[in-house]
PDB file of N, CA and C in Angstrom:
ATOM      1  N   MET A   1      98.007 216.868  27.083  1.00  0.00           N
ATOM      2  CA  MET A   1      98.143 217.006  28.540  1.00  0.00           C
ATOM      3  C   MET A   1      99.352 216.180  29.005  1.00  0.00           C
ATOM      4  N   SER A   2     100.148 216.813  29.842  1.00  0.00           N
ATOM      5  CA  SER A   2     101.316 216.109  30.347  1.00  0.00           C
ATOM      6  C   SER A   2     101.078 215.685  31.787  1.00  0.00           C
ATOM      7  N   LYS A   3     101.421 214.445  32.061  1.00  0.00           N
ATOM      8  CA  LYS A   3     101.288 213.934  33.419  1.00  0.00           C
ATOM      9  C   LYS A   3     102.595 214.175  34.157  1.00  0.00           C
ATOM     10  N   LYS A   4     102.505 214.650  35.375  1.00  0.00           N
ATOM     11  CA  LYS A   4     103.723 214.867  36.150  1.00  0.00           C
ATOM     12  C   LYS A   4     104.210 213.524  36.691  1.00  0.00           C
ATOM     13  N   ILE A   5     105.452 213.209  36.384  1.00  0.00           N
ATOM     14  CA  ILE A   5     106.029 211.950  36.868  1.00  0.00           C
ATOM     15  C   ILE A   5     106.694 212.218  38.221  1.00  0.00           C
ATOM     16  N   PRO A   6     106.270 211.522  39.266  1.00  0.00           N
ATOM     17  CA  PRO A   6     106.858 211.733  40.577  1.00  0.00           C
ATOM     18  C   PRO A   6     108.309 211.263  40.624  1.00  0.00           C
ATOM     19  N   ASN A   7     109.048 211.825  41.544  1.00  0.00           N
ATOM     20  CA  ASN A   7     110.466 211.488  41.688  1.00  0.00           C
ATOM     21  C   ASN A   7     110.601 210.071  42.248  1.00  0.00           C
ATOM     22  N   PRO A   8     111.274 209.171  41.522  1.00  0.00           N
ATOM     23  CA  PRO A   8     111.416 207.782  42.012  1.00  0.00           C
ATOM     24  C   PRO A   8     112.139 207.726  43.354  1.00  0.00           C
ATOM     25  N   ASN A   9     113.143 208.577  43.539  1.00  0.00           N
ATOM     26  CA  ASN A   9     113.878 208.569  44.804  1.00  0.00           C
ATOM     27  C   ASN A   9     112.958 208.946  45.957  1.00  0.00           C
ATOM     28  N   LEU A  10     112.040 209.875  45.707  1.00  0.00           N
ATOM     29  CA  LEU A  10     111.102 210.297  46.750  1.00  0.00           C
ATOM     30  C   LEU A  10     110.160 209.142  47.094  1.00  0.00           C
ATOM     31  N   ILE A  11     109.706 208.421  46.069  1.00  0.00           N
ATOM     32  CA  ILE A  11     108.802 207.283  46.306  1.00  0.00           C
ATOM     33  C   ILE A  11     109.526 206.198  47.106  1.00  0.00           C
ATOM     34  N   ILE A  12     110.766 205.903  46.710  1.00  0.00           N
ATOM     35  CA  ILE A  12     111.534 204.868  47.421  1.00  0.00           C
ATOM     36  C   ILE A  12     111.798 205.303  48.855  1.00  0.00           C
ATOM     37  N   GLY A  13     112.113 206.591  49.040  1.00  0.00           N
ATOM     38  CA  GLY A  13     112.373 207.095  50.393  1.00  0.00           C
ATOM     39  C   GLY A  13     111.142 206.975  51.280  1.00  0.00           C
ATOM     40  N   ILE A  14     109.976 207.323  50.739  1.00  0.00           N
ATOM     41  CA  ILE A  14     108.734 207.218  51.521  1.00  0.00           C
ATOM     42  C   ILE A  14     108.427 205.750  51.815  1.00  0.00           C
ATOM     43  N   TRP A  15     108.679 204.872  50.825  1.00  0.00           N
ATOM     44  CA  TRP A  15     108.407 203.437  51.004  1.00  0.00           C
ATOM     45  C   TRP A  15     109.294 202.863  52.102  1.00  0.00           C
ATOM     46  N   ILE A  16     110.589 203.217  52.069  1.00  0.00           N
ATOM     47  CA  ILE A  16     111.521 202.719  53.092  1.00  0.00           C
ATOM     48  C   ILE A  16     111.140 203.269  54.462  1.00  0.00           C
ATOM     49  N   LEU A  17     110.761 204.547  54.506  1.00  0.00           N
ATOM     50  CA  LEU A  17     110.377 205.154  55.779  1.00  0.00           C
ATOM     51  C   LEU A  17     109.141 204.460  56.343  1.00  0.00           C
ATOM     52  N   ASP A  18     108.186 204.129  55.463  1.00  0.00           N
ATOM     53  CA  ASP A  18     106.962 203.437  55.900  1.00  0.00           C
ATOM     54  C   ASP A  18     107.307 202.060  56.462  1.00  0.00           C
ATOM     55  N   ILE A  19     108.201 201.344  55.791  1.00  0.00           N
ATOM     56  CA  ILE A  19     108.615 200.018  56.267  1.00  0.00           C
ATOM     57  C   ILE A  19     109.306 200.143  57.624  1.00  0.00           C
ATOM     58  N   GLU A  20     110.188 201.149  57.765  1.00  0.00           N
ATOM     59  CA  GLU A  20     110.917 201.312  59.028  1.00  0.00           C
ATOM     60  C   GLU A  20     109.953 201.602  60.172  1.00  0.00           C
ATOM     61  N   ILE A  21     108.938 202.418  59.911  1.00  0.00           N
ATOM     62  CA  ILE A  21     107.965 202.745  60.970  1.00  0.00           C
ATOM     63  C   ILE A  21     107.191 201.487  61.364  1.00  0.00           C
ATOM     64  N   LYS A  22     106.778 200.687  60.378  1.00  0.00           N
ATOM     65  CA  LYS A  22     106.029 199.464  60.685  1.00  0.00           C
ATOM     66  C   LYS A  22     106.892 198.486  61.471  1.00  0.00           C
ATOM     67  N   VAL A  23     108.162 198.361  61.095  1.00  0.00           N
ATOM     68  CA  VAL A  23     109.065 197.445  61.810  1.00  0.00           C
ATOM     69  C   VAL A  23     109.263 197.928  63.238  1.00  0.00           C
ATOM     70  N   GLU A  24     109.434 199.255  63.409  1.00  0.00           N
ATOM     71  CA  GLU A  24     109.647 199.797  64.749  1.00  0.00           C
ATOM     72  C   GLU A  24     108.426 199.563  65.621  1.00  0.00           C
ATOM     73  N   VAL A  25     107.243 199.793  65.082  1.00  0.00           N
ATOM     74  CA  VAL A  25     106.008 199.574  65.845  1.00  0.00           C
ATOM     75  C   VAL A  25     105.860 198.092  66.183  1.00  0.00           C
ATOM     76  N   TYR A  26     106.191 197.228  65.212  1.00  0.00           N
ATOM     77  CA  TYR A  26     106.079 195.781  65.442  1.00  0.00           C
ATOM     78  C   TYR A  26     106.988 195.340  66.582  1.00  0.00           C
ATOM     79  N   PHE A  27     108.238 195.807  66.559  1.00  0.00           N
ATOM     80  CA  PHE A  27     109.179 195.386  67.602  1.00  0.00           C
ATOM     81  C   PHE A  27     108.816 195.997  68.948  1.00  0.00           C
ATOM     82  N   ASN A  28     108.262 197.209  68.947  1.00  0.00           N
ATOM     83  CA  ASN A  28     107.831 197.817  70.207  1.00  0.00           C
ATOM     84  C   ASN A  28     106.689 197.007  70.813  1.00  0.00           C
ATOM     85  N   CYS A  29     105.738 196.584  69.997  1.00  0.00           N
ATOM     86  CA  CYS A  29     104.625 195.774  70.483  1.00  0.00           C
ATOM     87  C   CYS A  29     105.139 194.408  70.935  1.00  0.00           C
ATOM     88  N   PHE A  30     106.072 193.837  70.182  1.00  0.00           N
ATOM     89  CA  PHE A  30     106.627 192.527  70.522  1.00  0.00           C
ATOM     90  C   PHE A  30     107.335 192.592  71.875  1.00  0.00           C
ATOM     91  N   ALA A  31     108.137 193.646  72.086  1.00  0.00           N
ATOM     92  CA  ALA A  31     108.853 193.800  73.361  1.00  0.00           C
ATOM     93  C   ALA A  31     107.854 194.037  74.499  1.00  0.00           C
ATOM     94  N   PHE A  32     106.793 194.783  74.208  1.00  0.00           N
ATOM     95  CA  PHE A  32     105.804 195.096  75.241  1.00  0.00           C
ATOM     96  C   PHE A  32     105.090 193.831  75.699  1.00  0.00           C
ATOM     97  N   PHE A  33     104.716 192.962  74.750  1.00  0.00           N
ATOM     98  CA  PHE A  33     103.961 191.764  75.111  1.00  0.00           C
ATOM     99  C   PHE A  33     104.881 190.646  75.613  1.00  0.00           C
ATOM    100  N   THR A  34     106.172 190.731  75.279  1.00  0.00           N
ATOM    101  CA  THR A  34     107.105 189.690  75.716  1.00  0.00           C
ATOM    102  C   THR A  34     107.604 189.978  77.126  1.00  0.00           C
ATOM    103  N   PHE A  35     108.005 191.235  77.352  1.00  0.00           N
ATOM    104  CA  PHE A  35     108.536 191.617  78.655  1.00  0.00           C
ATOM    105  C   PHE A  35     107.539 192.533  79.352  1.00  0.00           C
TER     106      PHE A  35
END
């Protein structure tokens, strides 16, 4: 049985996108509670 190896670039892209979304949400909440 062969295991399908996921594309590393796709994993890195999803990881970076997830980080960017968390940072954006964090800064939006920070700006909301600050100002």
